[in-house]
Amino acid sequence: MKFPKPYTLSAISEIINAKYVGDKNFEILGMNEIHVVEKGDIVFVDHPKYYDKALQSKASVVLINKDVPCPDGKALLISEDPFSDFNKLTNFFKPFKASLKPISDSAIIGKTS
């Protein structure tokens, strides 16, 4: 998910109340899961088995539950519960909106559907 505008590391850390490692003005463009993460994104990791994969991924920011050395060119968000904090960010940037009708006004339905 891409954010509507770039956010700073310090702004994201305030949203989830997490400690950060890196320049407070480090620019963050979005967030994604480890398999599709891109430069500018946040990725989370909460198990030692996957620390290296997350830290060496294309992600610019790693939301992690342990103090580890910060790789060059990246930033860290240190959290007790990275999974929950990743979900908080998801809800902050793309809150759930219940559907009020069975077919959205923006739906395009083909003739053979």
PDB file of N, CA and C in Angstrom:
ATOM      1  N   MET A   1       0.842  -1.166   0.000  1.00  0.00           N
ATOM      2  CA  MET A   1       0.000   0.000   0.000  1.00  0.00           C
ATOM      3  C   MET A   1       0.889   1.232   0.000  1.00  0.00           C
ATOM      4  N   LYS A   2       0.606   2.153  -0.885  1.00  0.00           N
ATOM      5  CA  LYS A   2       1.316   3.422  -0.912  1.00  0.00           C
ATOM      6  C   LYS A   2       0.539   4.445  -0.077  1.00  0.00           C
ATOM      7  N   PHE A   3       1.263   5.289   0.638  1.00  0.00           N
ATOM      8  CA  PHE A   3       0.632   6.338   1.421  1.00  0.00           C
ATOM      9  C   PHE A   3       0.180   7.468   0.498  1.00  0.00           C
ATOM     10  N   PRO A   4      -0.812   8.255   0.916  1.00  0.00           N
ATOM     11  CA  PRO A   4      -1.276   9.361   0.071  1.00  0.00           C
ATOM     12  C   PRO A   4      -0.212  10.442  -0.122  1.00  0.00           C
ATOM     13  N   LYS A   5       0.744  10.481   0.790  1.00  0.00           N
ATOM     14  CA  LYS A   5       1.878  11.406   0.707  1.00  0.00           C
ATOM     15  C   LYS A   5       3.026  10.784   1.500  1.00  0.00           C
ATOM     16  N   PRO A   6       4.244  11.210   1.290  1.00  0.00           N
ATOM     17  CA  PRO A   6       5.363  10.683   2.090  1.00  0.00           C
ATOM     18  C   PRO A   6       5.208  11.061   3.568  1.00  0.00           C
ATOM     19  N   TYR A   7       5.599  10.161   4.429  1.00  0.00           N
ATOM     20  CA  TYR A   7       5.612  10.398   5.870  1.00  0.00           C
ATOM     21  C   TYR A   7       7.039  10.262   6.365  1.00  0.00           C
ATOM     22  N   THR A   8       7.339  10.917   7.476  1.00  0.00           N
ATOM     23  CA  THR A   8       8.674  10.811   8.059  1.00  0.00           C
ATOM     24  C   THR A   8       8.714   9.661   9.061  1.00  0.00           C
ATOM     25  N   LEU A   9       9.910   9.209   9.331  1.00  0.00           N
ATOM     26  CA  LEU A   9      10.117   8.154  10.318  1.00  0.00           C
ATOM     27  C   LEU A   9       9.546   8.563  11.673  1.00  0.00           C
ATOM     28  N   SER A  10       9.779   9.796  12.073  1.00  0.00           N
ATOM     29  CA  SER A  10       9.273  10.241  13.382  1.00  0.00           C
ATOM     30  C   SER A  10       7.750  10.295  13.401  1.00  0.00           C
ATOM     31  N   ALA A  11       7.117  10.677  12.294  1.00  0.00           N
ATOM     32  CA  ALA A  11       5.651  10.722  12.243  1.00  0.00           C
ATOM     33  C   ALA A  11       5.065   9.320  12.370  1.00  0.00           C
ATOM     34  N   ILE A  12       5.661   8.355  11.674  1.00  0.00           N
ATOM     35  CA  ILE A  12       5.181   6.971  11.762  1.00  0.00           C
ATOM     36  C   ILE A  12       5.402   6.431  13.172  1.00  0.00           C
ATOM     37  N   SER A  13       6.541   6.756  13.765  1.00  0.00           N
ATOM     38  CA  SER A  13       6.820   6.257  15.121  1.00  0.00           C
ATOM     39  C   SER A  13       5.803   6.806  16.123  1.00  0.00           C
ATOM     40  N   GLU A  14       5.331   8.027  15.904  1.00  0.00           N
ATOM     41  CA  GLU A  14       4.308   8.601  16.787  1.00  0.00           C
ATOM     42  C   GLU A  14       2.971   7.887  16.623  1.00  0.00           C
ATOM     43  N   ILE A  15       2.624   7.505  15.403  1.00  0.00           N
ATOM     44  CA  ILE A  15       1.349   6.821  15.159  1.00  0.00           C
ATOM     45  C   ILE A  15       1.286   5.514  15.940  1.00  0.00           C
ATOM     46  N   ILE A  16       2.389   4.778  15.970  1.00  0.00           N
ATOM     47  CA  ILE A  16       2.384   3.464  16.630  1.00  0.00           C
ATOM     48  C   ILE A  16       3.098   3.483  17.988  1.00  0.00           C
ATOM     49  N   ASN A  17       3.573   4.649  18.397  1.00  0.00           N
ATOM     50  CA  ASN A  17       4.262   4.796  19.675  1.00  0.00           C
ATOM     51  C   ASN A  17       5.456   3.842  19.786  1.00  0.00           C
ATOM     52  N   ALA A  18       6.324   3.897  18.785  1.00  0.00           N
ATOM     53  CA  ALA A  18       7.503   3.028  18.744  1.00  0.00           C
ATOM     54  C   ALA A  18       8.779   3.867  18.732  1.00  0.00           C
ATOM     55  N   LYS A  19       9.846   3.294  19.230  1.00  0.00           N
ATOM     56  CA  LYS A  19      11.171   3.914  19.163  1.00  0.00           C
ATOM     57  C   LYS A  19      11.671   3.766  17.727  1.00  0.00           C
ATOM     58  N   TYR A  20      12.450   4.720  17.254  1.00  0.00           N
ATOM     59  CA  TYR A  20      13.016   4.587  15.912  1.00  0.00           C
ATOM     60  C   TYR A  20      14.518   4.748  15.926  1.00  0.00           C
ATOM     61  N   VAL A  21      15.164   4.152  14.912  1.00  0.00           N
ATOM     62  CA  VAL A  21      16.604   4.261  14.707  1.00  0.00           C
ATOM     63  C   VAL A  21      16.793   4.785  13.296  1.00  0.00           C
ATOM     64  N   GLY A  22      17.395   5.954  13.193  1.00  0.00           N
ATOM     65  CA  GLY A  22      17.605   6.585  11.897  1.00  0.00           C
ATOM     66  C   GLY A  22      17.248   8.052  11.958  1.00  0.00           C
ATOM     67  N   ASP A  23      17.397   8.714  10.837  1.00  0.00           N
ATOM     68  CA  ASP A  23      17.085  10.134  10.720  1.00  0.00           C
ATOM     69  C   ASP A  23      15.588  10.351  10.907  1.00  0.00           C
ATOM     70  N   LYS A  24      15.215  11.257  11.798  1.00  0.00           N
ATOM     71  CA  LYS A  24      13.790  11.482  12.066  1.00  0.00           C
ATOM     72  C   LYS A  24      13.027  11.928  10.819  1.00  0.00           C
ATOM     73  N   ASN A  25      13.730  12.498   9.835  1.00  0.00           N
ATOM     74  CA  ASN A  25      13.101  12.946   8.595  1.00  0.00           C
ATOM     75  C   ASN A  25      13.190  11.921   7.464  1.00  0.00           C
ATOM     76  N   PHE A  26      13.654  10.710   7.776  1.00  0.00           N
ATOM     77  CA  PHE A  26      13.740   9.632   6.789  1.00  0.00           C
ATOM     78  C   PHE A  26      12.367   9.468   6.148  1.00  0.00           C
ATOM     79  N   GLU A  27      12.312   9.468   4.826  1.00  0.00           N
ATOM     80  CA  GLU A  27      11.039   9.453   4.104  1.00  0.00           C
ATOM     81  C   GLU A  27      10.510   8.033   3.890  1.00  0.00           C
ATOM     82  N   ILE A  28       9.229   7.855   4.193  1.00  0.00           N
ATOM     83  CA  ILE A  28       8.561   6.566   4.027  1.00  0.00           C
ATOM     84  C   ILE A  28       7.393   6.766   3.070  1.00  0.00           C
ATOM     85  N   LEU A  29       7.308   5.887   2.079  1.00  0.00           N
ATOM     86  CA  LEU A  29       6.318   6.046   1.015  1.00  0.00           C
ATOM     87  C   LEU A  29       5.147   5.081   1.110  1.00  0.00           C
ATOM     88  N   GLY A  30       5.301   3.990   1.873  1.00  0.00           N
ATOM     89  CA  GLY A  30       4.227   3.007   1.960  1.00  0.00           C
ATOM     90  C   GLY A  30       4.606   1.857   2.864  1.00  0.00           C
ATOM     91  N   MET A  31       3.863   0.772   2.736  1.00  0.00           N
ATOM     92  CA  MET A  31       4.116  -0.417   3.546  1.00  0.00           C
ATOM     93  C   MET A  31       3.638  -1.633   2.773  1.00  0.00           C
ATOM     94  N   ASN A  32       4.288  -2.774   3.038  1.00  0.00           N
ATOM     95  CA  ASN A  32       3.892  -3.982   2.335  1.00  0.00           C
ATOM     96  C   ASN A  32       4.450  -5.207   3.026  1.00  0.00           C
ATOM     97  N   GLU A  33       3.978  -6.383   2.601  1.00  0.00           N
ATOM     98  CA  GLU A  33       4.482  -7.635   3.144  1.00  0.00           C
ATOM     99  C   GLU A  33       5.838  -7.964   2.510  1.00  0.00           C
ATOM    100  N   ILE A  34       6.563  -8.820   3.136  1.00  0.00           N
ATOM    101  CA  ILE A  34       7.945  -9.128   2.761  1.00  0.00           C
ATOM    102  C   ILE A  34       8.098  -9.575   1.306  1.00  0.00           C
ATOM    103  N   HIS A  35       7.128 -10.273   0.748  1.00  0.00           N
ATOM    104  CA  HIS A  35       7.263 -10.830  -0.597  1.00  0.00           C
ATOM    105  C   HIS A  35       7.112  -9.799  -1.714  1.00  0.00           C
ATOM    106  N   VAL A  36       6.527  -8.653  -1.414  1.00  0.00           N
ATOM    107  CA  VAL A  36       6.300  -7.638  -2.452  1.00  0.00           C
ATOM    108  C   VAL A  36       6.772  -6.245  -2.042  1.00  0.00           C
ATOM    109  N   VAL A  37       7.535  -6.169  -0.964  1.00  0.00           N
ATOM    110  CA  VAL A  37       8.003  -4.887  -0.454  1.00  0.00           C
ATOM    111  C   VAL A  37       8.927  -4.196  -1.460  1.00  0.00           C
ATOM    112  N   GLU A  38       8.867  -2.864  -1.501  1.00  0.00           N
ATOM    113  CA  GLU A  38       9.684  -2.059  -2.407  1.00  0.00           C
ATOM    114  C   GLU A  38      10.462  -1.005  -1.611  1.00  0.00           C
ATOM    115  N   LYS A  39      11.414  -0.401  -2.275  1.00  0.00           N
ATOM    116  CA  LYS A  39      12.164   0.694  -1.657  1.00  0.00           C
ATOM    117  C   LYS A  39      11.172   1.785  -1.266  1.00  0.00           C
ATOM    118  N   GLY A  40      11.334   2.313  -0.064  1.00  0.00           N
ATOM    119  CA  GLY A  40      10.432   3.335   0.450  1.00  0.00           C
ATOM    120  C   GLY A  40       9.368   2.767   1.374  1.00  0.00           C
ATOM    121  N   ASP A  41       9.228   1.427   1.403  1.00  0.00           N
ATOM    122  CA  ASP A  41       8.191   0.769   2.199  1.00  0.00           C
ATOM    123  C   ASP A  41       8.676   0.371   3.588  1.00  0.00           C
ATOM    124  N   ILE A  42       7.681   0.151   4.451  1.00  0.00           N
ATOM    125  CA  ILE A  42       7.893  -0.469   5.763  1.00  0.00           C
ATOM    126  C   ILE A  42       7.532  -1.946   5.624  1.00  0.00           C
ATOM    127  N   VAL A  43       8.323  -2.801   6.231  1.00  0.00           N
ATOM    128  CA  VAL A  43       7.995  -4.215   6.352  1.00  0.00           C
ATOM    129  C   VAL A  43       8.119  -4.572   7.831  1.00  0.00           C
ATOM    130  N   PHE A  44       7.325  -5.542   8.298  1.00  0.00           N
ATOM    131  CA  PHE A  44       7.461  -5.939   9.698  1.00  0.00           C
ATOM    132  C   PHE A  44       8.054  -7.334   9.804  1.00  0.00           C
ATOM    133  N   VAL A  45       8.708  -7.566  10.929  1.00  0.00           N
ATOM    134  CA  VAL A  45       9.242  -8.892  11.247  1.00  0.00           C
ATOM    135  C   VAL A  45       9.158  -9.065  12.757  1.00  0.00           C
ATOM    136  N   ASP A  46       8.696 -10.255  13.187  1.00  0.00           N
ATOM    137  CA  ASP A  46       8.545 -10.491  14.627  1.00  0.00           C
ATOM    138  C   ASP A  46       9.086 -11.845  15.074  1.00  0.00           C
ATOM    139  N   HIS A  47       9.879 -12.473  14.206  1.00  0.00           N
ATOM    140  CA  HIS A  47      10.474 -13.768  14.577  1.00  0.00           C
ATOM    141  C   HIS A  47      11.938 -13.790  14.139  1.00  0.00           C
ATOM    142  N   PRO A  48      12.827 -14.209  15.038  1.00  0.00           N
ATOM    143  CA  PRO A  48      14.263 -14.215  14.712  1.00  0.00           C
ATOM    144  C   PRO A  48      14.607 -14.965  13.426  1.00  0.00           C
ATOM    145  N   LYS A  49      13.831 -15.977  13.101  1.00  0.00           N
ATOM    146  CA  LYS A  49      14.077 -16.755  11.887  1.00  0.00           C
ATOM    147  C   LYS A  49      14.044 -15.875  10.628  1.00  0.00           C
ATOM    148  N   TYR A  50      13.261 -14.793  10.670  1.00  0.00           N
ATOM    149  CA  TYR A  50      13.081 -13.952   9.489  1.00  0.00           C
ATOM    150  C   TYR A  50      13.750 -12.576   9.578  1.00  0.00           C
ATOM    151  N   TYR A  51      14.493 -12.323  10.661  1.00  0.00           N
ATOM    152  CA  TYR A  51      15.145 -11.013  10.823  1.00  0.00           C
ATOM    153  C   TYR A  51      16.019 -10.676   9.613  1.00  0.00           C
ATOM    154  N   ASP A  52      16.920 -11.590   9.243  1.00  0.00           N
ATOM    155  CA  ASP A  52      17.848 -11.300   8.138  1.00  0.00           C
ATOM    156  C   ASP A  52      17.111 -11.032   6.840  1.00  0.00           C
ATOM    157  N   LYS A  53      16.090 -11.817   6.560  1.00  0.00           N
ATOM    158  CA  LYS A  53      15.325 -11.616   5.318  1.00  0.00           C
ATOM    159  C   LYS A  53      14.711 -10.220   5.278  1.00  0.00           C
ATOM    160  N   ALA A  54      14.137  -9.783   6.373  1.00  0.00           N
ATOM    161  CA  ALA A  54      13.528  -8.455   6.427  1.00  0.00           C
ATOM    162  C   ALA A  54      14.590  -7.351   6.348  1.00  0.00           C
ATOM    163  N   LEU A  55      15.669  -7.527   7.096  1.00  0.00           N
ATOM    164  CA  LEU A  55      16.721  -6.511   7.124  1.00  0.00           C
ATOM    165  C   LEU A  55      17.443  -6.384   5.784  1.00  0.00           C
ATOM    166  N   GLN A  56      17.475  -7.457   5.008  1.00  0.00           N
ATOM    167  CA  GLN A  56      18.144  -7.429   3.710  1.00  0.00           C
ATOM    168  C   GLN A  56      17.163  -7.241   2.545  1.00  0.00           C
ATOM    169  N   SER A  57      15.898  -7.040   2.852  1.00  0.00           N
ATOM    170  CA  SER A  57      14.877  -6.873   1.806  1.00  0.00           C
ATOM    171  C   SER A  57      15.000  -5.491   1.161  1.00  0.00           C
ATOM    172  N   LYS A  58      14.146  -5.237   0.182  1.00  0.00           N
ATOM    173  CA  LYS A  58      14.112  -3.927  -0.481  1.00  0.00           C
ATOM    174  C   LYS A  58      13.502  -2.851   0.410  1.00  0.00           C
ATOM    175  N   ALA A  59      12.874  -3.247   1.509  1.00  0.00           N
ATOM    176  CA  ALA A  59      12.229  -2.290   2.412  1.00  0.00           C
ATOM    177  C   ALA A  59      13.220  -1.242   2.895  1.00  0.00           C
ATOM    178  N   SER A  60      12.744  -0.034   3.029  1.00  0.00           N
ATOM    179  CA  SER A  60      13.578   1.041   3.565  1.00  0.00           C
ATOM    180  C   SER A  60      13.487   1.117   5.082  1.00  0.00           C
ATOM    181  N   VAL A  61      12.373   0.623   5.633  1.00  0.00           N
ATOM    182  CA  VAL A  61      12.162   0.644   7.077  1.00  0.00           C
ATOM    183  C   VAL A  61      11.712  -0.740   7.525  1.00  0.00           C
ATOM    184  N   VAL A  62      12.333  -1.223   8.601  1.00  0.00           N
ATOM    185  CA  VAL A  62      11.968  -2.520   9.161  1.00  0.00           C
ATOM    186  C   VAL A  62      11.355  -2.282  10.544  1.00  0.00           C
ATOM    187  N   LEU A  63      10.119  -2.730  10.707  1.00  0.00           N
ATOM    188  CA  LEU A  63       9.411  -2.697  11.982  1.00  0.00           C
ATOM    189  C   LEU A  63       9.712  -4.025  12.667  1.00  0.00           C
ATOM    190  N   ILE A  64      10.476  -3.969  13.746  1.00  0.00           N
ATOM    191  CA  ILE A  64      11.063  -5.179  14.342  1.00  0.00           C
ATOM    192  C   ILE A  64      10.927  -5.144  15.857  1.00  0.00           C
ATOM    193  N   ASN A  65      10.973  -6.307  16.488  1.00  0.00           N
ATOM    194  CA  ASN A  65      10.800  -6.400  17.936  1.00  0.00           C
ATOM    195  C   ASN A  65      12.103  -6.613  18.700  1.00  0.00           C
ATOM    196  N   LYS A  66      13.213  -6.206  18.130  1.00  0.00           N
ATOM    197  CA  LYS A  66      14.510  -6.375  18.797  1.00  0.00           C
ATOM    198  C   LYS A  66      15.459  -5.259  18.354  1.00  0.00           C
ATOM    199  N   ASP A  67      16.275  -4.791  19.283  1.00  0.00           N
ATOM    200  CA  ASP A  67      17.319  -3.826  18.916  1.00  0.00           C
ATOM    201  C   ASP A  67      18.390  -4.570  18.138  1.00  0.00           C
ATOM    202  N   VAL A  68      18.562  -4.214  16.885  1.00  0.00           N
ATOM    203  CA  VAL A  68      19.578  -4.816  16.025  1.00  0.00           C
ATOM    204  C   VAL A  68      20.324  -3.691  15.321  1.00  0.00           C
ATOM    205  N   PRO A  69      21.518  -3.958  14.804  1.00  0.00           N
ATOM    206  CA  PRO A  69      22.217  -2.925  14.036  1.00  0.00           C
ATOM    207  C   PRO A  69      21.381  -2.537  12.808  1.00  0.00           C
ATOM    208  N   CYS A  70      21.317  -1.255  12.555  1.00  0.00           N
ATOM    209  CA  CYS A  70      20.535  -0.754  11.424  1.00  0.00           C
ATOM    210  C   CYS A  70      21.378  -0.815  10.149  1.00  0.00           C
ATOM    211  N   PRO A  71      20.882  -1.522   9.127  1.00  0.00           N
ATOM    212  CA  PRO A  71      21.626  -1.591   7.867  1.00  0.00           C
ATOM    213  C   PRO A  71      21.761  -0.211   7.217  1.00  0.00           C
ATOM    214  N   ASP A  72      22.849  -0.005   6.490  1.00  0.00           N
ATOM    215  CA  ASP A  72      23.061   1.261   5.792  1.00  0.00           C
ATOM    216  C   ASP A  72      21.902   1.545   4.846  1.00  0.00           C
ATOM    217  N   GLY A  73      21.471   2.800   4.833  1.00  0.00           N
ATOM    218  CA  GLY A  73      20.410   3.222   3.918  1.00  0.00           C
ATOM    219  C   GLY A  73      19.013   2.883   4.382  1.00  0.00           C
ATOM    220  N   LYS A  74      18.895   2.305   5.573  1.00  0.00           N
ATOM    221  CA  LYS A  74      17.584   1.926   6.105  1.00  0.00           C
ATOM    222  C   LYS A  74      17.339   2.602   7.439  1.00  0.00           C
ATOM    223  N   ALA A  75      16.134   2.417   7.942  1.00  0.00           N
ATOM    224  CA  ALA A  75      15.767   2.876   9.282  1.00  0.00           C
ATOM    225  C   ALA A  75      15.014   1.741   9.958  1.00  0.00           C
ATOM    226  N   LEU A  76      14.931   1.811  11.284  1.00  0.00           N
ATOM    227  CA  LEU A  76      14.224   0.793  12.058  1.00  0.00           C
ATOM    228  C   LEU A  76      13.148   1.430  12.921  1.00  0.00           C
ATOM    229  N   LEU A  77      12.071   0.713  13.107  1.00  0.00           N
ATOM    230  CA  LEU A  77      11.061   1.031  14.107  1.00  0.00           C
ATOM    231  C   LEU A  77      11.065  -0.136  15.081  1.00  0.00           C
ATOM    232  N   ILE A  78      11.346   0.138  16.357  1.00  0.00           N
ATOM    233  CA  ILE A  78      11.444  -0.919  17.363  1.00  0.00           C
ATOM    234  C   ILE A  78      10.127  -0.971  18.130  1.00  0.00           C
ATOM    235  N   SER A  79       9.500  -2.141  18.119  1.00  0.00           N
ATOM    236  CA  SER A  79       8.175  -2.314  18.705  1.00  0.00           C
ATOM    237  C   SER A  79       8.109  -3.618  19.483  1.00  0.00           C
ATOM    238  N   GLU A  80       7.310  -3.645  20.540  1.00  0.00           N
ATOM    239  CA  GLU A  80       7.112  -4.890  21.277  1.00  0.00           C
ATOM    240  C   GLU A  80       6.267  -5.875  20.468  1.00  0.00           C
ATOM    241  N   ASP A  81       5.396  -5.349  19.614  1.00  0.00           N
ATOM    242  CA  ASP A  81       4.496  -6.202  18.837  1.00  0.00           C
ATOM    243  C   ASP A  81       4.382  -5.667  17.402  1.00  0.00           C
ATOM    244  N   PRO A  82       5.375  -5.974  16.562  1.00  0.00           N
ATOM    245  CA  PRO A  82       5.381  -5.450  15.193  1.00  0.00           C
ATOM    246  C   PRO A  82       4.139  -5.809  14.382  1.00  0.00           C
ATOM    247  N   PHE A  83       3.599  -7.004  14.575  1.00  0.00           N
ATOM    248  CA  PHE A  83       2.411  -7.419  13.835  1.00  0.00           C
ATOM    249  C   PHE A  83       1.228  -6.496  14.152  1.00  0.00           C
ATOM    250  N   SER A  84       0.984  -6.255  15.427  1.00  0.00           N
ATOM    251  CA  SER A  84      -0.114  -5.362  15.830  1.00  0.00           C
ATOM    252  C   SER A  84       0.123  -3.940  15.352  1.00  0.00           C
ATOM    253  N   ASP A  85       1.367  -3.490  15.433  1.00  0.00           N
ATOM    254  CA  ASP A  85       1.666  -2.127  14.991  1.00  0.00           C
ATOM    255  C   ASP A  85       1.549  -1.990  13.472  1.00  0.00           C
ATOM    256  N   PHE A  86       1.887  -3.021  12.729  1.00  0.00           N
ATOM    257  CA  PHE A  86       1.697  -3.009  11.279  1.00  0.00           C
ATOM    258  C   PHE A  86       0.199  -2.907  10.968  1.00  0.00           C
ATOM    259  N   ASN A  87      -0.614  -3.632  11.732  1.00  0.00           N
ATOM    260  CA  ASN A  87      -2.067  -3.545  11.559  1.00  0.00           C
ATOM    261  C   ASN A  87      -2.600  -2.165  11.932  1.00  0.00           C
ATOM    262  N   LYS A  88      -2.030  -1.539  12.962  1.00  0.00           N
ATOM    263  CA  LYS A  88      -2.430  -0.173  13.323  1.00  0.00           C
ATOM    264  C   LYS A  88      -2.164   0.782  12.165  1.00  0.00           C
ATOM    265  N   LEU A  89      -1.005   0.628  11.543  1.00  0.00           N
ATOM    266  CA  LEU A  89      -0.685   1.475  10.396  1.00  0.00           C
ATOM    267  C   LEU A  89      -1.647   1.216   9.237  1.00  0.00           C
ATOM    268  N   THR A  90      -1.980  -0.043   9.008  1.00  0.00           N
ATOM    269  CA  THR A  90      -2.936  -0.381   7.952  1.00  0.00           C
ATOM    270  C   THR A  90      -4.273   0.301   8.222  1.00  0.00           C
ATOM    271  N   ASN A  91      -4.754   0.216   9.447  1.00  0.00           N
ATOM    272  CA  ASN A  91      -6.029   0.850   9.798  1.00  0.00           C
ATOM    273  C   ASN A  91      -5.949   2.371   9.754  1.00  0.00           C
ATOM    274  N   PHE A  92      -4.784   2.922  10.061  1.00  0.00           N
ATOM    275  CA  PHE A  92      -4.611   4.368  10.012  1.00  0.00           C
ATOM    276  C   PHE A  92      -4.682   4.878   8.568  1.00  0.00           C
ATOM    277  N   PHE A  93      -3.980   4.190   7.672  1.00  0.00           N
ATOM    278  CA  PHE A  93      -3.901   4.657   6.291  1.00  0.00           C
ATOM    279  C   PHE A  93      -5.042   4.158   5.398  1.00  0.00           C
ATOM    280  N   LYS A  94      -5.640   3.045   5.764  1.00  0.00           N
ATOM    281  CA  LYS A  94      -6.734   2.505   4.949  1.00  0.00           C
ATOM    282  C   LYS A  94      -7.773   1.873   5.879  1.00  0.00           C
ATOM    283  N   PRO A  95      -8.523   2.724   6.583  1.00  0.00           N
ATOM    284  CA  PRO A  95      -9.497   2.178   7.528  1.00  0.00           C
ATOM    285  C   PRO A  95     -10.593   1.389   6.814  1.00  0.00           C
ATOM    286  N   PHE A  96     -11.127   0.411   7.520  1.00  0.00           N
ATOM    287  CA  PHE A  96     -12.192  -0.413   6.980  1.00  0.00           C
ATOM    288  C   PHE A  96     -13.448   0.428   6.791  1.00  0.00           C
ATOM    289  N   LYS A  97     -14.074   0.296   5.623  1.00  0.00           N
ATOM    290  CA  LYS A  97     -15.340   0.974   5.347  1.00  0.00           C
ATOM    291  C   LYS A  97     -16.342  -0.098   4.931  1.00  0.00           C
ATOM    292  N   ALA A  98     -17.378  -0.234   5.732  1.00  0.00           N
ATOM    293  CA  ALA A  98     -18.394  -1.239   5.435  1.00  0.00           C
ATOM    294  C   ALA A  98     -19.169  -0.847   4.188  1.00  0.00           C
ATOM    295  N   SER A  99     -19.534  -1.829   3.401  1.00  0.00           N
ATOM    296  CA  SER A  99     -20.329  -1.598   2.204  1.00  0.00           C
ATOM    297  C   SER A  99     -21.776  -1.357   2.605  1.00  0.00           C
ATOM    298  N   LEU A 100     -22.388  -0.375   1.974  1.00  0.00           N
ATOM    299  CA  LEU A 100     -23.774  -0.065   2.280  1.00  0.00           C
ATOM    300  C   LEU A 100     -24.737  -0.657   1.256  1.00  0.00           C
ATOM    301  N   LYS A 101     -24.201  -1.249   0.190  1.00  0.00           N
ATOM    302  CA  LYS A 101     -25.046  -1.874  -0.825  1.00  0.00           C
ATOM    303  C   LYS A 101     -24.308  -3.062  -1.426  1.00  0.00           C
ATOM    304  N   PRO A 102     -25.048  -4.010  -2.011  1.00  0.00           N
ATOM    305  CA  PRO A 102     -24.406  -5.232  -2.501  1.00  0.00           C
ATOM    306  C   PRO A 102     -23.476  -5.021  -3.694  1.00  0.00           C
ATOM    307  N   ILE A 103     -23.753  -4.028  -4.527  1.00  0.00           N
ATOM    308  CA  ILE A 103     -22.900  -3.748  -5.686  1.00  0.00           C
ATOM    309  C   ILE A 103     -22.511  -2.271  -5.647  1.00  0.00           C
ATOM    310  N   SER A 104     -21.222  -2.023  -5.611  1.00  0.00           N
ATOM    311  CA  SER A 104     -20.705  -0.664  -5.541  1.00  0.00           C
ATOM    312  C   SER A 104     -21.045   0.131  -6.801  1.00  0.00           C
ATOM    313  N   ASP A 105     -21.237   1.427  -6.638  1.00  0.00           N
ATOM    314  CA  ASP A 105     -21.482   2.309  -7.781  1.00  0.00           C
ATOM    315  C   ASP A 105     -20.290   2.342  -8.726  1.00  0.00           C
ATOM    316  N   SER A 106     -19.111   2.038  -8.207  1.00  0.00           N
ATOM    317  CA  SER A 106     -17.912   2.078  -9.048  1.00  0.00           C
ATOM    318  C   SER A 106     -17.623   0.725  -9.716  1.00  0.00           C
ATOM    319  N   ALA A 107     -18.442  -0.289  -9.448  1.00  0.00           N
ATOM    320  CA  ALA A 107     -18.216  -1.625 -10.034  1.00  0.00           C
ATOM    321  C   ALA A 107     -18.476  -1.608 -11.538  1.00  0.00           C
ATOM    322  N   ILE A 108     -17.628  -2.309 -12.257  1.00  0.00           N
ATOM    323  CA  ILE A 108     -17.813  -2.487 -13.709  1.00  0.00           C
ATOM    324  C   ILE A 108     -18.067  -3.975 -13.922  1.00  0.00           C
ATOM    325  N   ILE A 109     -19.254  -4.292 -14.398  1.00  0.00           N
ATOM    326  CA  ILE A 109     -19.655  -5.688 -14.549  1.00  0.00           C
ATOM    327  C   ILE A 109     -19.795  -5.991 -16.033  1.00  0.00           C
ATOM    328  N   GLY A 110     -19.034  -6.975 -16.488  1.00  0.00           N
ATOM    329  CA  GLY A 110     -19.064  -7.345 -17.898  1.00  0.00           C
ATOM    330  C   GLY A 110     -20.371  -8.042 -18.282  1.00  0.00           C
ATOM    331  N   LYS A 111     -20.705  -8.024 -19.567  1.00  0.00           N
ATOM    332  CA  LYS A 111     -21.943  -8.621 -20.074  1.00  0.00           C
ATOM    333  C   LYS A 111     -21.977 -10.124 -19.833  1.00  0.00           C
ATOM    334  N   THR A 112     -20.814 -10.775 -19.834  1.00  0.00           N
ATOM    335  CA  THR A 112     -20.780 -12.231 -19.674  1.00  0.00           C
ATOM    336  C   THR A 112     -20.406 -12.657 -18.250  1.00  0.00           C
ATOM    337  N   SER A 113     -20.386 -11.717 -17.337  1.00  0.00           N
ATOM    338  CA  SER A 113     -20.022 -12.044 -15.941  1.00  0.00           C
ATOM    339  C   SER A 113     -21.118 -12.809 -15.255  1.00  0.00           C
TER     340      SER A 113
END
